[in-house]
Amino acid sequence: MKYVIGITVLCGTVWLSGYAGLFAGEETQAKYCQCIEDRIKRCMKKASRVNSESAAIRAGAERAREEADYLRGSKDQLASEMADAKTGTRRHQVDHFLVGSFRAHLLESAAPGAQKGH
């Protein structure tokens, strides 16, 4: 019986540790804004390769600059959406959300009638 209780407590602790950020109030709008700022910095570092001899690297640098511009312009909205979706604050979780949002933005921008003046 002692072992069953120990395992139950251990499993409960492991299970709850995944939600510690939610319970501790770490996942706030300010935290998400900082995560977005970190992503912008990484994009700008990649964007600095715009003068590369490689066409693929230049294209990646241009796309990174576009992403950084999008993130800057939408930071508060994205942070709010991330909070509503209870997105984690680990880098891969934030990146997954932000890359998905940027791709959706690109698709909307490329849709017929989405261009300015139409």
C-alpha atoms as a PDB file:
ATOM      1  CA  MET A   1       0.000   0.000   0.000  1.00  0.00           C
ATOM      2  CA  LYS A   2       2.891   2.331   0.833  1.00  0.00           C
ATOM      3  CA  TYR A   3       4.328   1.870  -2.685  1.00  0.00           C
ATOM      4  CA  VAL A   4       0.996   2.632  -4.365  1.00  0.00           C
ATOM      5  CA  ILE A   5       0.662   5.891  -2.440  1.00  0.00           C
ATOM      6  CA  GLY A   6       4.265   6.819  -3.266  1.00  0.00           C
ATOM      7  CA  ILE A   7       3.744   6.166  -6.966  1.00  0.00           C
ATOM      8  CA  THR A   8       0.465   8.084  -6.963  1.00  0.00           C
ATOM      9  CA  VAL A   9       2.090  11.072  -5.291  1.00  0.00           C
ATOM     10  CA  LEU A  10       5.068  10.916  -7.649  1.00  0.00           C
ATOM     11  CA  CYS A  11       2.866  10.677 -10.759  1.00  0.00           C
ATOM     12  CA  GLY A  12       0.650  13.480  -9.501  1.00  0.00           C
ATOM     13  CA  THR A  13       3.712  15.654  -8.927  1.00  0.00           C
ATOM     14  CA  VAL A  14       5.036  14.975 -12.417  1.00  0.00           C
ATOM     15  CA  TRP A  15       1.619  15.613 -13.975  1.00  0.00           C
ATOM     16  CA  LEU A  16       1.114  18.867 -12.093  1.00  0.00           C
ATOM     17  CA  SER A  17       4.629  20.103 -12.833  1.00  0.00           C
ATOM     18  CA  GLY A  18       3.591  20.586 -16.462  1.00  0.00           C
ATOM     19  CA  TYR A  19       1.010  23.092 -15.285  1.00  0.00           C
ATOM     20  CA  ALA A  20       3.218  24.906 -12.800  1.00  0.00           C
ATOM     21  CA  GLY A  21       3.534  27.893 -15.130  1.00  0.00           C
ATOM     22  CA  LEU A  22      -0.234  28.290 -15.254  1.00  0.00           C
ATOM     23  CA  PHE A  23      -0.678  27.991 -11.518  1.00  0.00           C
ATOM     24  CA  ALA A  24       2.278  30.250 -10.739  1.00  0.00           C
ATOM     25  CA  GLY A  25       0.968  32.958 -13.069  1.00  0.00           C
ATOM     26  CA  GLU A  26       4.087  32.917 -15.251  1.00  0.00           C
ATOM     27  CA  GLU A  27       2.169  32.846 -18.515  1.00  0.00           C
ATOM     28  CA  THR A  28       1.107  36.453 -18.652  1.00  0.00           C
ATOM     29  CA  GLN A  29       0.823  38.941 -21.487  1.00  0.00           C
ATOM     30  CA  ALA A  30       4.202  40.443 -20.528  1.00  0.00           C
ATOM     31  CA  LYS A  31       5.892  37.033 -20.693  1.00  0.00           C
ATOM     32  CA  TYR A  32       4.449  36.405 -24.144  1.00  0.00           C
ATOM     33  CA  CYS A  33       5.574  39.846 -25.317  1.00  0.00           C
ATOM     34  CA  GLN A  34       9.106  39.009 -24.179  1.00  0.00           C
ATOM     35  CA  CYS A  35       8.960  35.681 -26.011  1.00  0.00           C
ATOM     36  CA  ILE A  36       7.860  37.509 -29.168  1.00  0.00           C
ATOM     37  CA  GLU A  37      10.707  40.018 -28.746  1.00  0.00           C
ATOM     38  CA  ASP A  38      13.136  37.103 -28.508  1.00  0.00           C
ATOM     39  CA  ARG A  39      11.731  35.669 -31.754  1.00  0.00           C
ATOM     40  CA  ILE A  40      12.074  39.090 -33.430  1.00  0.00           C
ATOM     41  CA  LYS A  41      15.744  39.239 -32.402  1.00  0.00           C
ATOM     42  CA  ARG A  42      16.374  35.797 -33.893  1.00  0.00           C
ATOM     43  CA  CYS A  43      14.602  36.818 -37.102  1.00  0.00           C
ATOM     44  CA  MET A  44      16.658  40.007 -37.369  1.00  0.00           C
ATOM     45  CA  LYS A  45      19.861  38.039 -36.893  1.00  0.00           C
ATOM     46  CA  LYS A  46      18.838  35.803 -39.784  1.00  0.00           C
ATOM     47  CA  ALA A  47      17.734  38.846 -41.815  1.00  0.00           C
ATOM     48  CA  SER A  48      21.240  40.273 -41.549  1.00  0.00           C
ATOM     49  CA  ARG A  49      22.353  37.664 -44.105  1.00  0.00           C
ATOM     50  CA  VAL A  50      20.568  39.527 -46.897  1.00  0.00           C
ATOM     51  CA  ASN A  51      23.859  40.176 -48.726  1.00  0.00           C
ATOM     52  CA  SER A  52      24.872  36.521 -48.891  1.00  0.00           C
ATOM     53  CA  GLU A  53      26.140  35.091 -52.168  1.00  0.00           C
ATOM     54  CA  SER A  54      23.606  32.279 -51.850  1.00  0.00           C
ATOM     55  CA  ALA A  55      20.174  32.984 -53.320  1.00  0.00           C
ATOM     56  CA  ALA A  56      18.571  30.577 -50.830  1.00  0.00           C
ATOM     57  CA  ILE A  57      20.141  32.367 -47.863  1.00  0.00           C
ATOM     58  CA  ARG A  58      19.098  35.768 -49.262  1.00  0.00           C
ATOM     59  CA  ALA A  59      15.525  34.497 -49.670  1.00  0.00           C
ATOM     60  CA  GLY A  60      15.537  33.156 -46.110  1.00  0.00           C
ATOM     61  CA  ALA A  61      16.881  36.475 -44.851  1.00  0.00           C
ATOM     62  CA  GLU A  62      14.122  38.392 -46.639  1.00  0.00           C
ATOM     63  CA  ARG A  63      11.467  36.060 -45.229  1.00  0.00           C
ATOM     64  CA  ALA A  64      12.943  36.511 -41.736  1.00  0.00           C
ATOM     65  CA  ARG A  65      12.735  40.299 -42.131  1.00  0.00           C
ATOM     66  CA  GLU A  66       9.093  39.987 -43.223  1.00  0.00           C
ATOM     67  CA  GLU A  67       8.373  37.812 -40.187  1.00  0.00           C
ATOM     68  CA  ALA A  68      10.068  40.293 -37.845  1.00  0.00           C
ATOM     69  CA  ASP A  69       8.002  43.139 -39.331  1.00  0.00           C
ATOM     70  CA  TYR A  70       4.816  41.117 -38.901  1.00  0.00           C
ATOM     71  CA  LEU A  71       5.658  40.206 -35.300  1.00  0.00           C
ATOM     72  CA  ARG A  72       6.457  43.825 -34.410  1.00  0.00           C
ATOM     73  CA  GLY A  73       3.183  45.051 -35.861  1.00  0.00           C
ATOM     74  CA  SER A  74       1.068  42.332 -34.251  1.00  0.00           C
ATOM     75  CA  LYS A  75       2.891  41.768 -30.952  1.00  0.00           C
ATOM     76  CA  ASP A  76       0.089  42.751 -28.566  1.00  0.00           C
ATOM     77  CA  GLN A  77      -2.559  40.877 -30.527  1.00  0.00           C
ATOM     78  CA  LEU A  78      -0.370  37.771 -30.761  1.00  0.00           C
ATOM     79  CA  ALA A  79       0.422  37.881 -27.035  1.00  0.00           C
ATOM     80  CA  SER A  80      -3.289  38.068 -26.287  1.00  0.00           C
ATOM     81  CA  GLU A  81      -4.038  35.156 -28.628  1.00  0.00           C
ATOM     82  CA  MET A  82      -1.269  33.106 -27.027  1.00  0.00           C
ATOM     83  CA  ALA A  83      -2.684  33.794 -23.564  1.00  0.00           C
ATOM     84  CA  ASP A  84      -6.183  32.831 -24.712  1.00  0.00           C
ATOM     85  CA  ALA A  85      -4.838  29.604 -26.224  1.00  0.00           C
ATOM     86  CA  LYS A  86      -2.765  28.934 -23.085  1.00  0.00           C
ATOM     87  CA  THR A  87       0.325  28.461 -25.248  1.00  0.00           C
ATOM     88  CA  GLY A  88       3.344  27.387 -23.244  1.00  0.00           C
ATOM     89  CA  THR A  89       6.317  29.709 -22.896  1.00  0.00           C
ATOM     90  CA  ARG A  90       8.993  27.246 -23.943  1.00  0.00           C
ATOM     91  CA  ARG A  91      10.792  28.342 -27.072  1.00  0.00           C
ATOM     92  CA  HIS A  92       9.450  25.547 -29.280  1.00  0.00           C
ATOM     93  CA  GLN A  93       5.874  26.217 -28.129  1.00  0.00           C
ATOM     94  CA  VAL A  94       6.140  29.939 -28.797  1.00  0.00           C
ATOM     95  CA  ASP A  95       7.869  29.390 -32.142  1.00  0.00           C
ATOM     96  CA  HIS A  96       5.224  26.880 -33.219  1.00  0.00           C
ATOM     97  CA  PHE A  97       2.453  29.380 -32.482  1.00  0.00           C
ATOM     98  CA  LEU A  98       4.229  32.363 -34.064  1.00  0.00           C
ATOM     99  CA  VAL A  99       5.326  30.522 -37.213  1.00  0.00           C
ATOM    100  CA  GLY A 100       1.775  29.254 -37.688  1.00  0.00           C
ATOM    101  CA  SER A 101       0.404  32.745 -37.252  1.00  0.00           C
ATOM    102  CA  PHE A 102       2.922  34.192 -39.718  1.00  0.00           C
ATOM    103  CA  ARG A 103       2.111  31.507 -42.299  1.00  0.00           C
ATOM    104  CA  ALA A 104      -1.601  32.233 -41.929  1.00  0.00           C
ATOM    105  CA  HIS A 105      -0.820  35.929 -42.422  1.00  0.00           C
ATOM    106  CA  LEU A 106       1.115  35.136 -45.623  1.00  0.00           C
ATOM    107  CA  LEU A 107      -1.755  33.025 -46.953  1.00  0.00           C
ATOM    108  CA  GLU A 108      -4.270  35.776 -46.196  1.00  0.00           C
ATOM    109  CA  SER A 109      -2.027  38.351 -47.866  1.00  0.00           C
ATOM    110  CA  ALA A 110      -1.697  36.188 -50.979  1.00  0.00           C
ATOM    111  CA  ALA A 111      -5.438  35.533 -51.258  1.00  0.00           C
ATOM    112  CA  PRO A 112      -7.221  37.232 -54.172  1.00  0.00           C
ATOM    113  CA  GLY A 113      -8.653  40.582 -53.144  1.00  0.00           C
ATOM    114  CA  ALA A 114      -6.430  40.819 -50.068  1.00  0.00           C
ATOM    115  CA  GLN A 115      -4.040  43.303 -51.648  1.00  0.00           C
ATOM    116  CA  LYS A 116      -4.290  46.987 -50.857  1.00  0.00           C
ATOM    117  CA  GLY A 117      -6.427  49.032 -53.172  1.00  0.00           C
ATOM    118  CA  HIS A 118      -8.806  46.171 -54.058  1.00  0.00           C
END
